[in-house]
C-alpha atoms as a PDB file:
ATOM      1  CA  MET A   1     -72.486  11.714 147.519  1.00  0.00           C
ATOM      2  CA  ALA A   2     -73.264   8.238 146.208  1.00  0.00           C
ATOM      3  CA  GLY A   3     -74.248   9.463 142.773  1.00  0.00           C
ATOM      4  CA  SER A   4     -70.969  11.311 142.266  1.00  0.00           C
ATOM      5  CA  GLY A   5     -68.997   8.314 143.503  1.00  0.00           C
ATOM      6  CA  GLU A   6     -70.786   5.976 141.104  1.00  0.00           C
ATOM      7  CA  ARG A   7     -70.139   8.313 138.169  1.00  0.00           C
ATOM      8  CA  ALA A   8     -66.462   8.568 139.118  1.00  0.00           C
ATOM      9  CA  MET A   9     -66.211   4.784 139.278  1.00  0.00           C
ATOM     10  CA  VAL A  10     -67.804   4.446 135.825  1.00  0.00           C
ATOM     11  CA  ARG A  11     -65.351   6.995 134.399  1.00  0.00           C
ATOM     12  CA  THR A  12     -62.423   5.127 135.969  1.00  0.00           C
ATOM     13  CA  GLU A  13     -63.594   1.768 134.633  1.00  0.00           C
ATOM     14  CA  GLN A  14     -64.152   3.315 131.205  1.00  0.00           C
ATOM     15  CA  ALA A  15     -60.644   4.790 131.182  1.00  0.00           C
ATOM     16  CA  GLU A  16     -59.150   1.431 132.200  1.00  0.00           C
ATOM     17  CA  PHE A  17     -61.191  -0.340 129.511  1.00  0.00           C
ATOM     18  CA  LEU A  18     -60.013   2.047 126.781  1.00  0.00           C
ATOM     19  CA  GLY A  19     -56.439   1.962 128.031  1.00  0.00           C
ATOM     20  CA  HIS A  20     -56.333  -1.834 127.926  1.00  0.00           C
ATOM     21  CA  ILE A  21     -57.831  -1.962 124.431  1.00  0.00           C
ATOM     22  CA  ARG A  22     -55.490   0.774 123.172  1.00  0.00           C
ATOM     23  CA  SER A  23     -52.467  -0.996 124.644  1.00  0.00           C
ATOM     24  CA  SER A  24     -53.499  -4.353 123.185  1.00  0.00           C
ATOM     25  CA  ILE A  25     -54.142  -2.937 119.728  1.00  0.00           C
ATOM     26  CA  GLY A  26     -50.894  -0.981 119.714  1.00  0.00           C
ATOM     27  CA  SER A  27     -48.630  -3.741 121.009  1.00  0.00           C
ATOM     28  CA  GLY A  28     -45.989  -4.764 118.499  1.00  0.00           C
ATOM     29  CA  ARG A  29     -47.099  -2.143 116.010  1.00  0.00           C
ATOM     30  CA  GLU A  30     -45.434   1.115 115.110  1.00  0.00           C
ATOM     31  CA  ARG A  31     -47.741   4.104 114.799  1.00  0.00           C
ATOM     32  CA  THR A  32     -46.895   6.292 111.829  1.00  0.00           C
ATOM     33  CA  VAL A  33     -49.962   8.447 111.309  1.00  0.00           C
ATOM     34  CA  ALA A  34     -50.915  11.462 113.447  1.00  0.00           C
ATOM     35  CA  PRO A  35     -54.462  11.753 114.881  1.00  0.00           C
ATOM     36  CA  ILE A  36     -57.074  13.210 112.559  1.00  0.00           C
ATOM     37  CA  ARG A  37     -57.521  16.969 112.686  1.00  0.00           C
ATOM     38  CA  PHE A  38     -60.561  18.459 110.977  1.00  0.00           C
ATOM     39  CA  ALA A  39     -59.946  21.960 109.638  1.00  0.00           C
ATOM     40  CA  SER A  40     -62.736  24.531 109.685  1.00  0.00           C
ATOM     41  CA  SER A  41     -64.531  24.886 106.378  1.00  0.00           C
ATOM     42  CA  GLU A  42     -67.053  27.157 104.686  1.00  0.00           C
ATOM     43  CA  ALA A  43     -68.593  24.216 102.847  1.00  0.00           C
ATOM     44  CA  SER A  44     -72.256  23.294 103.316  1.00  0.00           C
ATOM     45  CA  PRO A  45     -73.074  21.037 106.291  1.00  0.00           C
ATOM     46  CA  ARG A  46     -73.701  18.089 103.950  1.00  0.00           C
ATOM     47  CA  ALA A  47     -70.437  18.629 102.058  1.00  0.00           C
ATOM     48  CA  GLU A  48     -68.536  19.066 105.315  1.00  0.00           C
ATOM     49  CA  ALA A  49     -70.064  15.880 106.730  1.00  0.00           C
ATOM     50  CA  ALA A  50     -69.123  13.963 103.576  1.00  0.00           C
ATOM     51  CA  GLN A  51     -65.583  15.328 103.790  1.00  0.00           C
ATOM     52  CA  GLY A  52     -65.372  14.233 107.419  1.00  0.00           C
ATOM     53  CA  VAL A  53     -66.534  10.722 106.596  1.00  0.00           C
ATOM     54  CA  GLY A  54     -64.042  10.550 103.732  1.00  0.00           C
ATOM     55  CA  ARG A  55     -61.190  11.493 106.058  1.00  0.00           C
ATOM     56  CA  LEU A  56     -62.268   8.927 108.629  1.00  0.00           C
ATOM     57  CA  LEU A  57     -62.326   6.263 105.947  1.00  0.00           C
ATOM     58  CA  ASP A  58     -58.922   7.385 104.629  1.00  0.00           C
ATOM     59  CA  ARG A  59     -57.469   7.042 108.101  1.00  0.00           C
ATOM     60  CA  PHE A  60     -59.186   3.734 108.807  1.00  0.00           C
ATOM     61  CA  LEU A  61     -57.830   2.154 105.617  1.00  0.00           C
ATOM     62  CA  VAL A  62     -54.281   3.334 106.378  1.00  0.00           C
ATOM     63  CA  GLU A  63     -54.439   1.869 109.888  1.00  0.00           C
ATOM     64  CA  LEU A  64     -56.057  -1.322 108.618  1.00  0.00           C
ATOM     65  CA  SER A  65     -53.147  -1.787 106.217  1.00  0.00           C
ATOM     66  CA  LEU A  66     -50.613  -1.189 109.013  1.00  0.00           C
ATOM     67  CA  ALA A  67     -52.340  -3.922 111.024  1.00  0.00           C
ATOM     68  CA  GLY A  68     -52.047  -6.401 108.149  1.00  0.00           C
ATOM     69  CA  GLY A  69     -55.563  -6.122 106.755  1.00  0.00           C
ATOM     70  CA  THR A  70     -56.574  -5.268 103.190  1.00  0.00           C
ATOM     71  CA  GLY A  71     -59.045  -2.535 102.319  1.00  0.00           C
ATOM     72  CA  HIS A  72     -61.168  -2.432  99.168  1.00  0.00           C
ATOM     73  CA  ARG A  73     -62.672   1.024  98.672  1.00  0.00           C
ATOM     74  CA  VAL A  74     -65.561   1.103  96.222  1.00  0.00           C
ATOM     75  CA  GLN A  75     -67.664   3.992  94.986  1.00  0.00           C
ATOM     76  CA  SER A  76     -71.000   2.859  96.418  1.00  0.00           C
ATOM     77  CA  PRO A  77     -72.766  -0.166  97.945  1.00  0.00           C
ATOM     78  CA  ALA A  78     -73.749  -1.207  94.426  1.00  0.00           C
ATOM     79  CA  HIS A  79     -70.073  -1.897  93.697  1.00  0.00           C
ATOM     80  CA  ALA A  80     -69.579  -4.143  96.734  1.00  0.00           C
ATOM     81  CA  GLN A  81     -70.722  -7.223  94.819  1.00  0.00           C
ATOM     82  CA  GLY A  82     -68.017  -6.738  92.195  1.00  0.00           C
ATOM     83  CA  ALA A  83     -65.333  -6.301  94.851  1.00  0.00           C
ATOM     84  CA  LEU A  84     -66.458  -9.496  96.581  1.00  0.00           C
ATOM     85  CA  ARG A  85     -66.477 -11.446  93.322  1.00  0.00           C
ATOM     86  CA  ASP A  86     -62.941 -10.284  92.493  1.00  0.00           C
ATOM     87  CA  LEU A  87     -61.735 -11.170  95.967  1.00  0.00           C
ATOM     88  CA  VAL A  88     -63.279 -14.655  95.847  1.00  0.00           C
ATOM     89  CA  ARG A  89     -61.829 -15.421  92.423  1.00  0.00           C
ATOM     90  CA  ALA A  90     -58.364 -14.366  93.595  1.00  0.00           C
ATOM     91  CA  SER A  91     -58.582 -16.443  96.782  1.00  0.00           C
ATOM     92  CA  GLY A  92     -59.984 -19.626  95.237  1.00  0.00           C
ATOM     93  CA  ALA A  93     -62.601 -19.946  98.001  1.00  0.00           C
ATOM     94  CA  ARG A  94     -65.316 -22.555  97.365  1.00  0.00           C
ATOM     95  CA  ARG A  95     -67.413 -22.436 100.550  1.00  0.00           C
ATOM     96  CA  ALA A  96     -68.656 -19.419 102.490  1.00  0.00           C
ATOM     97  CA  VAL A  97     -70.683 -18.741 105.611  1.00  0.00           C
ATOM     98  CA  MET A  98     -72.441 -15.408 106.069  1.00  0.00           C
ATOM     99  CA  TRP A  99     -74.190 -13.452 108.802  1.00  0.00           C
ATOM    100  CA  ARG A 100     -77.955 -13.059 108.578  1.00  0.00           C
ATOM    101  CA  HIS A 101     -77.889  -9.259 108.483  1.00  0.00           C
ATOM    102  CA  PRO A 102     -80.037  -6.578 106.767  1.00  0.00           C
ATOM    103  CA  LEU A 103     -77.058  -4.925 105.082  1.00  0.00           C
ATOM    104  CA  LEU A 104     -75.754  -8.162 103.581  1.00  0.00           C
ATOM    105  CA  ALA A 105     -79.242  -9.084 102.380  1.00  0.00           C
ATOM    106  CA  ARG A 106     -79.696  -5.645 100.809  1.00  0.00           C
ATOM    107  CA  LEU A 107     -76.385  -5.981  98.975  1.00  0.00           C
ATOM    108  CA  ASP A 108     -77.470  -9.447  97.753  1.00  0.00           C
ATOM    109  CA  LEU A 109     -74.036 -10.890  98.404  1.00  0.00           C
ATOM    110  CA  ARG A 110     -75.297 -14.456  98.117  1.00  0.00           C
ATOM    111  CA  ALA A 111     -75.919 -13.764  94.431  1.00  0.00           C
ATOM    112  CA  ALA A 112     -72.380 -12.419  94.039  1.00  0.00           C
ATOM    113  CA  LEU A 113     -70.961 -15.576  95.625  1.00  0.00           C
ATOM    114  CA  ALA A 114     -73.190 -17.808  93.504  1.00  0.00           C
ATOM    115  CA  ASP A 115     -71.854 -16.070  90.382  1.00  0.00           C
ATOM    116  CA  THR A 116     -68.376 -17.295  91.291  1.00  0.00           C
ATOM    117  CA  GLY A 117     -69.501 -20.859  92.058  1.00  0.00           C
ATOM    118  CA  VAL A 118     -69.186 -20.488  95.835  1.00  0.00           C
ATOM    119  CA  ALA A 119     -71.610 -22.423  98.032  1.00  0.00           C
ATOM    120  CA  CYS A 120     -72.879 -20.017 100.699  1.00  0.00           C
ATOM    121  CA  TRP A 121     -74.791 -20.593 103.928  1.00  0.00           C
ATOM    122  CA  GLU A 122     -76.274 -17.999 106.196  1.00  0.00           C
ATOM    123  CA  VAL A 123     -75.788 -18.802 109.879  1.00  0.00           C
ATOM    124  CA  PRO A 124     -78.721 -21.145 110.574  1.00  0.00           C
ATOM    125  CA  ALA A 125     -80.538 -20.529 113.852  1.00  0.00           C
ATOM    126  CA  ASP A 126     -82.657 -23.688 113.745  1.00  0.00           C
ATOM    127  CA  VAL A 127     -79.935 -26.360 113.638  1.00  0.00           C
ATOM    128  CA  PRO A 128     -77.927 -27.838 116.527  1.00  0.00           C
ATOM    129  CA  GLU A 129     -74.823 -25.973 117.651  1.00  0.00           C
ATOM    130  CA  GLY A 130     -72.522 -28.773 116.496  1.00  0.00           C
ATOM    131  CA  GLU A 131     -73.802 -28.508 112.928  1.00  0.00           C
ATOM    132  CA  ARG A 132     -73.439 -24.724 112.960  1.00  0.00           C
ATOM    133  CA  LEU A 133     -69.853 -25.066 114.153  1.00  0.00           C
ATOM    134  CA  THR A 134     -69.111 -27.567 111.381  1.00  0.00           C
ATOM    135  CA  LEU A 135     -70.483 -25.190 108.733  1.00  0.00           C
ATOM    136  CA  MET A 136     -68.364 -22.332 110.040  1.00  0.00           C
ATOM    137  CA  ALA A 137     -65.236 -24.444 110.556  1.00  0.00           C
ATOM    138  CA  THR A 138     -65.300 -25.912 107.040  1.00  0.00           C
ATOM    139  CA  ALA A 139     -65.948 -22.617 105.229  1.00  0.00           C
ATOM    140  CA  ASP A 140     -63.131 -20.941 103.306  1.00  0.00           C
ATOM    141  CA  LEU A 141     -64.706 -17.518 103.697  1.00  0.00           C
ATOM    142  CA  GLY A 142     -66.639 -15.772 106.479  1.00  0.00           C
ATOM    143  CA  VAL A 143     -68.699 -12.699 105.537  1.00  0.00           C
ATOM    144  CA  THR A 144     -69.953 -10.233 108.163  1.00  0.00           C
ATOM    145  CA  ALA A 145     -71.190  -6.698 108.534  1.00  0.00           C
ATOM    146  CA  VAL A 146     -69.536  -4.289 110.981  1.00  0.00           C
ATOM    147  CA  ASP A 147     -71.094  -2.601 114.009  1.00  0.00           C
ATOM    148  CA  TYR A 148     -68.340   0.010 114.409  1.00  0.00           C
ATOM    149  CA  ALA A 149     -65.012   0.813 112.759  1.00  0.00           C
ATOM    150  CA  VAL A 150     -62.377   2.823 114.643  1.00  0.00           C
ATOM    151  CA  ALA A 151     -60.426   5.084 112.313  1.00  0.00           C
ATOM    152  CA  ASP A 152     -57.529   5.767 114.724  1.00  0.00           C
ATOM    153  CA  THR A 153     -56.666   2.077 115.109  1.00  0.00           C
ATOM    154  CA  GLY A 154     -58.069   0.392 111.988  1.00  0.00           C
ATOM    155  CA  SER A 155     -60.169  -1.826 114.253  1.00  0.00           C
ATOM    156  CA  LEU A 156     -63.511  -3.465 113.558  1.00  0.00           C
ATOM    157  CA  VAL A 157     -66.067  -3.966 116.325  1.00  0.00           C
ATOM    158  CA  LEU A 158     -68.538  -6.816 115.881  1.00  0.00           C
ATOM    159  CA  CYS A 159     -71.510  -7.462 118.176  1.00  0.00           C
ATOM    160  CA  SER A 160     -72.785 -11.044 118.294  1.00  0.00           C
ATOM    161  CA  ARG A 161     -76.523 -11.591 117.978  1.00  0.00           C
ATOM    162  CA  PRO A 162     -78.713 -14.471 116.734  1.00  0.00           C
ATOM    163  CA  GLY A 163     -77.600 -15.200 113.180  1.00  0.00           C
ATOM    164  CA  GLN A 164     -74.519 -13.018 113.666  1.00  0.00           C
ATOM    165  CA  GLU A 165     -72.112 -15.338 115.457  1.00  0.00           C
ATOM    166  CA  ARG A 166     -68.583 -14.141 116.161  1.00  0.00           C
ATOM    167  CA  LEU A 167     -67.128 -17.438 114.888  1.00  0.00           C
ATOM    168  CA  VAL A 168     -68.033 -16.422 111.324  1.00  0.00           C
ATOM    169  CA  SER A 169     -65.230 -13.876 111.656  1.00  0.00           C
ATOM    170  CA  LEU A 170     -62.837 -16.247 113.441  1.00  0.00           C
ATOM    171  CA  LEU A 171     -63.039 -19.805 112.061  1.00  0.00           C
ATOM    172  CA  PRO A 172     -62.803 -19.416 108.241  1.00  0.00           C
ATOM    173  CA  PRO A 173     -59.269 -18.592 107.006  1.00  0.00           C
ATOM    174  CA  ILE A 174     -60.558 -15.500 105.181  1.00  0.00           C
ATOM    175  CA  HIS A 175     -62.779 -12.886 106.827  1.00  0.00           C
ATOM    176  CA  VAL A 176     -64.569 -10.344 104.629  1.00  0.00           C
ATOM    177  CA  ALA A 177     -66.303  -7.445 106.402  1.00  0.00           C
ATOM    178  CA  LEU A 178     -68.687  -4.981 104.732  1.00  0.00           C
ATOM    179  CA  LEU A 179     -68.236  -1.457 106.071  1.00  0.00           C
ATOM    180  CA  PRO A 180     -70.846   1.283 105.487  1.00  0.00           C
ATOM    181  CA  PRO A 181     -69.679   4.823 106.292  1.00  0.00           C
ATOM    182  CA  SER A 182     -72.326   5.287 108.994  1.00  0.00           C
ATOM    183  CA  VAL A 183     -70.454   3.005 111.439  1.00  0.00           C
ATOM    184  CA  LEU A 184     -67.131   4.885 111.380  1.00  0.00           C
ATOM    185  CA  VAL A 185     -65.978   6.568 114.592  1.00  0.00           C
ATOM    186  CA  SER A 186     -62.778   8.538 115.052  1.00  0.00           C
ATOM    187  CA  GLY A 187     -61.378   6.960 118.207  1.00  0.00           C
ATOM    188  CA  LEU A 188     -61.940   4.424 120.970  1.00  0.00           C
ATOM    189  CA  GLU A 189     -63.362   7.144 123.226  1.00  0.00           C
ATOM    190  CA  ALA A 190     -66.589   7.123 121.185  1.00  0.00           C
ATOM    191  CA  LEU A 191     -67.291   3.450 121.881  1.00  0.00           C
ATOM    192  CA  PRO A 192     -68.336   3.065 125.565  1.00  0.00           C
ATOM    193  CA  PRO A 193     -71.834   4.623 125.286  1.00  0.00           C
ATOM    194  CA  LEU A 194     -72.433   2.827 121.984  1.00  0.00           C
ATOM    195  CA  LEU A 195     -71.342  -0.549 123.339  1.00  0.00           C
ATOM    196  CA  ARG A 196     -73.348  -0.037 126.529  1.00  0.00           C
ATOM    197  CA  ARG A 197     -76.454   0.452 124.419  1.00  0.00           C
ATOM    198  CA  ASP A 198     -75.674  -2.640 122.334  1.00  0.00           C
ATOM    199  CA  LEU A 199     -75.286  -4.824 125.432  1.00  0.00           C
ATOM    200  CA  GLU A 200     -78.508  -3.725 127.128  1.00  0.00           C
ATOM    201  CA  GLY A 201     -81.965  -5.241 126.829  1.00  0.00           C
ATOM    202  CA  PRO A 202     -83.286  -8.663 125.812  1.00  0.00           C
ATOM    203  CA  GLY A 203     -82.045  -8.196 122.249  1.00  0.00           C
ATOM    204  CA  GLY A 204     -78.611  -7.014 123.353  1.00  0.00           C
ATOM    205  CA  ALA A 205     -75.363  -8.418 122.014  1.00  0.00           C
ATOM    206  CA  SER A 206     -74.159 -11.630 123.666  1.00  0.00           C
ATOM    207  CA  ASN A 207     -70.528 -10.557 123.251  1.00  0.00           C
ATOM    208  CA  ILE A 208     -68.430  -7.934 121.505  1.00  0.00           C
ATOM    209  CA  VAL A 209     -65.259  -8.635 119.532  1.00  0.00           C
ATOM    210  CA  PHE A 210     -62.537  -6.146 118.545  1.00  0.00           C
ATOM    211  CA  ILE A 211     -60.655  -7.141 115.394  1.00  0.00           C
ATOM    212  CA  THR A 212     -57.431  -5.399 114.395  1.00  0.00           C
ATOM    213  CA  GLY A 213     -55.877  -7.178 111.435  1.00  0.00           C
ATOM    214  CA  PRO A 214     -55.846 -10.913 110.666  1.00  0.00           C
ATOM    215  CA  SER A 215     -55.524 -13.362 113.550  1.00  0.00           C
ATOM    216  CA  ARG A 216     -55.487 -10.522 116.071  1.00  0.00           C
ATOM    217  CA  THR A 217     -58.603 -10.302 118.202  1.00  0.00           C
ATOM    218  CA  ALA A 218     -59.648  -9.033 121.611  1.00  0.00           C
ATOM    219  CA  ASP A 219     -62.990  -9.972 123.133  1.00  0.00           C
ATOM    220  CA  ILE A 220     -64.986  -8.155 125.792  1.00  0.00           C
ATOM    221  CA  GLU A 221     -62.748  -9.807 128.411  1.00  0.00           C
ATOM    222  CA  LEU A 222     -59.949  -7.639 126.938  1.00  0.00           C
ATOM    223  CA  SER A 223     -57.672 -10.604 126.225  1.00  0.00           C
ATOM    224  CA  LEU A 224     -55.766 -10.240 122.946  1.00  0.00           C
ATOM    225  CA  THR A 225     -54.773 -13.310 120.960  1.00  0.00           C
ATOM    226  CA  GLN A 226     -52.262 -13.204 118.113  1.00  0.00           C
ATOM    227  CA  GLY A 227     -51.312 -16.010 115.752  1.00  0.00           C
ATOM    228  CA  VAL A 228     -53.211 -18.738 117.606  1.00  0.00           C
ATOM    229  CA  HIS A 229     -56.693 -18.572 116.179  1.00  0.00           C
ATOM    230  CA  GLY A 230     -58.524 -16.387 113.739  1.00  0.00           C
ATOM    231  CA  PRO A 231     -58.393 -15.754 110.001  1.00  0.00           C
ATOM    232  CA  LYS A 232     -55.160 -15.620 108.043  1.00  0.00           C
ATOM    233  CA  ALA A 233     -56.540 -12.788 105.903  1.00  0.00           C
ATOM    234  CA  LEU A 234     -58.862  -9.878 106.679  1.00  0.00           C
ATOM    235  CA  HIS A 235     -60.522  -7.956 103.850  1.00  0.00           C
ATOM    236  CA  VAL A 236     -62.755  -4.912 104.390  1.00  0.00           C
ATOM    237  CA  ILE A 237     -65.004  -3.696 101.584  1.00  0.00           C
ATOM    238  CA  ALA A 238     -65.908  -0.059 102.289  1.00  0.00           C
ATOM    239  CA  TRP A 239     -67.581   2.766 100.434  1.00  0.00           C
ATOM    240  CA  ASP A 240     -67.886   6.533 100.808  1.00  0.00           C
ATOM    241  CA  GLU A 241     -71.048   8.378 101.756  1.00  0.00           C
ATOM    242  CA  GLU A 242     -73.604   8.210  98.991  1.00  0.00           C
ATOM    243  CA  PRO A 243     -74.797  11.411  97.268  1.00  0.00           C
ATOM    244  CA  GLY A 244     -78.308  10.939  98.664  1.00  0.00           C
ATOM    245  CA  GLY A 245     -77.175  11.651 102.219  1.00  0.00           C
ATOM    246  CA  PRO A 246     -76.051   9.802 105.321  1.00  0.00           C
ATOM    247  CA  GLU A 247     -77.140   6.226 105.786  1.00  0.00           C
ATOM    248  CA  GLY A 248     -78.751   5.022 108.975  1.00  0.00           C
ATOM    249  CA  ARG A 249     -77.128   2.343 111.053  1.00  0.00           C
ATOM    250  CA  ASP A 250     -77.868  -0.896 109.255  1.00  0.00           C
ATOM    251  CA  HIS A 251     -78.205  -3.145 112.266  1.00  0.00           C
ATOM    252  CA  LEU A 252     -80.808  -1.055 114.103  1.00  0.00           C
END
């Protein structure tokens, strides 16, 4: 049956895709933390969901640290500005480039950067490519949102769209990513259907980048590069689920 054969082929390709990513992420890195196990609980569904998100974030931050990244856990999105200001002051950054993204606009991160004297540009869509590259290449700091974060590996997944160029996360020496709890997934196995959706349609992502630690990236071609290009420092500002309930995905 053709349908069964096609489904088997998709499953095989998916398994190969995940295996290559898992091998690339794990190369040269000792795993010290066991996979997450969620115990049964008599808590309310909302409390149980919040506990699950908290555990995913705990695990993600541990794995991020093992990969060489730095996590900044704040109480709520309202505290993200303060974390960014502290980070910028410690780094001495003077120029920043930022994604045009609803989450970053809602957090008003441009104001936080202005408070520290940092000149900030959003990725301009109406200027020639050469000028955009110059802005990104001369920035000290690149600020992005995150499409997905994989707790088991400490990896970020970024989908490139207009105003959300992957080079913002690769050219500046410092990459700062803002991580809402709604984008956390436990393992790589959750990604294929999500990425397939992100790639489809006229507004689909032009490419997808996996980031595991500073200067350690794998693109959709599954080629991992270490120590050749990419930021020298990766900082992730993350917060727990807010009391008001789960957030929707910010990029949809």
